[in-house]
Amino acid sequence: MIRLDHVYKGFNGNAVLEDISLALPEKGFCAITGRSGRGKTTLLYLIAGLYKPDRGSIQRNGETISMVFQEDRLLPWETAAQNAATASTREIAAKLLTELGLGAELDKYPRELSGGMQRRVSIARALAAKADVYIMDEPFKGLDPETRSAVFGVIRRRTEDALLIMVTHDPTDAECADMRIDL
């Protein structure tokens, strides 16, 4: 379980998160919602260990974490399959990319893919890494409604035995979450 106790994080003297305390379950879907600039990404970075709190504490029990950032962060010299296999095997990556509708794009480079395709490669890379916690920062940006729905289904199936923490602006996503954090 991941636990935050009275966490404070600020930048350049400005508080971004103040006195955040919460306990996240070992499994399930946790949606983080709120207006722009409220600290959603900062909270994800704290949970992932990419930021340290200025005050308070964060306890983890050695959970492995896989993350989808707001930016795709693909390696331009690697193909879609190679990017997705960064933390796994090509076989697992190819299977995930196929599930995400990119089976015909395995050997294409990021520059040859649309923004939505690049986004799905980033999601495949995160899902290919066997993790206890999957953190996703607005994973559906750039996806049309039909693709978004299909991708969300893959994410939910692939993370059912783990904890999924997702920043979302879609009220439908938040409604189906097991836990909701509003910032």
Protein backbone atom coordinates (compact mmCIF):
# COMPACT_ATOMS: atom_id res chain seq x y z
CA MET A 1 0.00 0.00 0.00
CA ILE A 2 1.12 3.55 -0.74
CA ARG A 3 0.44 6.10 1.96
CA LEU A 4 0.91 9.87 1.97
CA ASP A 5 0.91 11.65 5.33
CA HIS A 6 0.58 15.44 5.46
CA VAL A 7 2.50 15.91 2.22
CA TYR A 8 3.39 19.40 1.08
CA LYS A 9 5.07 20.24 -2.23
CA GLY A 10 5.82 23.68 -3.59
CA PHE A 11 7.82 25.23 -6.39
CA ASN A 12 9.54 28.63 -6.27
CA GLY A 13 7.84 29.44 -2.97
CA ASN A 14 4.35 28.61 -4.26
CA ALA A 15 2.41 25.76 -2.68
CA VAL A 16 1.16 23.22 -5.23
CA LEU A 17 -0.05 20.56 -2.79
CA GLU A 18 -0.72 21.24 0.87
CA ASP A 19 -1.35 18.74 3.66
CA ILE A 20 -2.28 15.78 1.44
CA SER A 21 -2.96 12.59 3.37
CA LEU A 22 -4.29 9.45 1.72
CA ALA A 23 -3.87 5.70 1.61
CA LEU A 24 -4.07 4.00 -1.77
CA PRO A 25 -5.31 0.42 -2.03
CA GLU A 26 -3.14 -2.40 -3.39
CA LYS A 27 -5.52 -2.97 -6.30
CA GLY A 28 -8.25 -1.10 -8.12
CA PHE A 29 -8.73 2.07 -10.10
CA CYS A 30 -8.04 5.46 -8.56
CA ALA A 31 -9.02 8.53 -10.60
CA ILE A 32 -7.44 11.90 -9.89
CA THR A 33 -9.50 14.86 -11.09
CA GLY A 34 -9.38 18.62 -10.80
CA ARG A 35 -8.87 21.82 -12.74
CA SER A 36 -5.61 22.62 -14.49
CA GLY A 37 -2.85 23.74 -12.18
CA ARG A 38 -4.22 22.00 -9.09
CA GLY A 39 -1.25 19.62 -8.66
CA LYS A 40 -2.48 16.40 -10.28
CA THR A 41 0.77 15.71 -12.13
CA THR A 42 2.79 16.75 -9.09
CA LEU A 43 0.83 14.22 -7.01
CA LEU A 44 1.58 11.49 -9.54
CA TYR A 45 5.29 12.37 -9.51
CA LEU A 46 5.31 12.22 -5.70
CA ILE A 47 3.60 8.82 -5.70
CA ALA A 48 6.05 7.54 -8.33
CA GLY A 49 9.03 8.82 -6.36
CA LEU A 50 10.10 11.27 -9.07
CA TYR A 51 9.59 14.18 -6.65
CA LYS A 52 10.26 14.23 -2.94
CA PRO A 53 7.83 16.05 -0.64
CA ASP A 54 9.03 19.27 0.96
CA ARG A 55 7.22 18.19 4.13
CA GLY A 56 5.36 15.09 5.19
CA SER A 57 6.09 11.52 4.23
CA ILE A 58 5.31 8.95 1.58
CA GLN A 59 5.45 5.26 2.44
CA ARG A 60 5.75 2.54 -0.18
CA ASN A 61 6.14 -1.19 0.29
CA GLY A 62 8.51 -1.80 -2.61
CA GLU A 63 5.82 -1.66 -5.28
CA THR A 64 7.03 -1.66 -8.86
CA ILE A 65 5.69 1.31 -10.79
CA SER A 66 5.12 1.83 -14.51
CA MET A 67 4.12 5.24 -15.83
CA VAL A 68 2.54 7.00 -18.79
CA PHE A 69 3.63 10.64 -18.76
CA GLN A 70 1.71 13.55 -20.29
CA GLU A 71 4.32 13.53 -23.06
CA ASP A 72 4.83 10.32 -25.01
CA ARG A 73 8.63 10.21 -24.46
CA LEU A 74 9.25 7.76 -27.28
CA LEU A 75 12.75 7.05 -28.53
CA PRO A 76 12.82 8.38 -32.12
CA TRP A 77 15.45 5.86 -33.27
CA GLU A 78 13.37 2.88 -32.10
CA THR A 79 10.33 1.36 -33.81
CA ALA A 80 6.92 1.17 -32.15
CA ALA A 81 7.63 -2.43 -31.12
CA GLN A 82 11.09 -1.56 -29.79
CA ASN A 83 9.70 1.39 -27.82
CA ALA A 84 6.94 -0.76 -26.33
CA ALA A 85 9.44 -3.51 -25.48
CA THR A 86 11.73 -1.21 -23.49
CA ALA A 87 10.80 -2.94 -20.21
CA SER A 88 9.60 -6.24 -21.66
CA THR A 89 9.96 -8.49 -24.71
CA ARG A 90 9.10 -7.84 -28.34
CA GLU A 91 6.51 -10.62 -28.16
CA ILE A 92 4.67 -9.00 -25.25
CA ALA A 93 5.02 -5.57 -26.86
CA ALA A 94 3.64 -6.82 -30.19
CA LYS A 95 0.67 -8.42 -28.47
CA LEU A 96 -0.15 -5.21 -26.59
CA LEU A 97 0.29 -3.03 -29.65
CA THR A 98 -2.05 -5.32 -31.55
CA GLU A 99 -4.63 -5.11 -28.75
CA LEU A 100 -4.32 -1.33 -28.96
CA GLY A 101 -4.99 -1.37 -32.71
CA LEU A 102 -1.39 -0.96 -33.86
CA GLY A 103 -0.60 -4.46 -35.13
CA ALA A 104 0.25 -3.13 -38.59
CA GLU A 105 2.51 -0.38 -37.19
CA LEU A 106 5.05 -2.48 -35.24
CA ASP A 107 8.03 -1.58 -37.42
CA LYS A 108 7.23 2.10 -37.88
CA TYR A 109 9.20 4.84 -36.17
CA PRO A 110 7.49 7.50 -34.04
CA ARG A 111 7.83 10.10 -36.82
CA GLU A 112 5.76 7.80 -39.04
CA LEU A 113 2.91 7.56 -36.52
CA SER A 114 0.09 9.99 -35.75
CA GLY A 115 -0.08 11.60 -32.32
CA GLY A 116 -2.79 9.17 -31.21
CA MET A 117 -0.72 6.21 -32.39
CA GLN A 118 2.32 7.50 -30.52
CA ARG A 119 0.14 7.82 -27.42
CA ARG A 120 -0.91 4.17 -27.72
CA VAL A 121 2.74 3.11 -28.07
CA SER A 122 3.45 4.91 -24.77
CA ILE A 123 0.53 3.12 -23.14
CA ALA A 124 1.72 -0.24 -24.53
CA ARG A 125 5.20 0.39 -23.12
CA ALA A 126 3.77 1.07 -19.65
CA LEU A 127 1.48 -1.96 -19.75
CA ALA A 128 4.26 -4.24 -21.04
CA ALA A 129 6.23 -3.66 -17.85
CA LYS A 130 4.82 -6.00 -15.22
CA ALA A 131 4.10 -3.63 -12.35
CA ASP A 132 2.17 -3.41 -9.11
CA VAL A 133 1.16 0.20 -9.80
CA TYR A 134 0.36 1.81 -13.16
CA ILE A 135 0.38 5.60 -13.11
CA MET A 136 -1.15 7.33 -16.13
CA ASP A 137 -1.21 11.08 -16.62
CA GLU A 138 -4.02 11.92 -19.05
CA PRO A 139 -3.43 8.79 -21.15
CA PHE A 140 -6.27 9.46 -23.60
CA LYS A 141 -5.21 12.83 -24.94
CA GLY A 142 -5.21 12.84 -28.72
CA LEU A 143 -7.49 9.80 -29.03
CA ASP A 144 -10.86 9.89 -30.76
CA PRO A 145 -13.84 8.64 -28.69
CA GLU A 146 -13.99 5.16 -30.27
CA THR A 147 -10.24 4.53 -29.92
CA ARG A 148 -10.28 6.00 -26.42
CA SER A 149 -12.99 3.58 -25.35
CA ALA A 150 -11.11 0.59 -26.77
CA VAL A 151 -7.83 1.70 -25.16
CA PHE A 152 -9.52 2.23 -21.79
CA GLY A 153 -10.85 -1.34 -22.00
CA VAL A 154 -7.34 -2.70 -22.64
CA ILE A 155 -5.93 -0.66 -19.75
CA ARG A 156 -8.61 -1.87 -17.35
CA ARG A 157 -8.13 -5.53 -18.35
CA ARG A 158 -4.35 -5.33 -18.17
CA THR A 159 -4.32 -3.63 -14.75
CA GLU A 160 -7.07 -5.60 -12.99
CA ASP A 161 -4.58 -7.28 -10.62
CA ALA A 162 -2.73 -4.04 -9.88
CA LEU A 163 -3.39 -0.46 -8.82
CA LEU A 164 -4.21 1.96 -11.64
CA ILE A 165 -3.84 5.64 -10.78
CA MET A 166 -5.02 7.90 -13.57
CA VAL A 167 -5.38 11.64 -14.01
CA THR A 168 -8.51 12.23 -16.03
CA HIS A 169 -10.74 15.12 -17.01
CA ASP A 170 -13.52 12.79 -18.16
CA PRO A 171 -16.34 12.47 -15.60
CA THR A 172 -17.24 9.02 -16.99
CA ASP A 173 -13.78 7.70 -16.08
CA ALA A 174 -14.03 9.11 -12.58
CA GLU A 175 -17.50 7.62 -12.08
CA CYS A 176 -16.25 4.08 -12.71
CA ALA A 177 -13.23 4.47 -10.41
CA ASP A 178 -13.00 2.59 -7.11
CA MET A 179 -11.47 5.68 -5.51
CA ARG A 180 -11.57 9.31 -6.57
CA ILE A 181 -9.22 12.08 -5.50
CA ASP A 182 -10.42 15.59 -6.34
CA LEU A 183 -7.78 18.30 -6.21
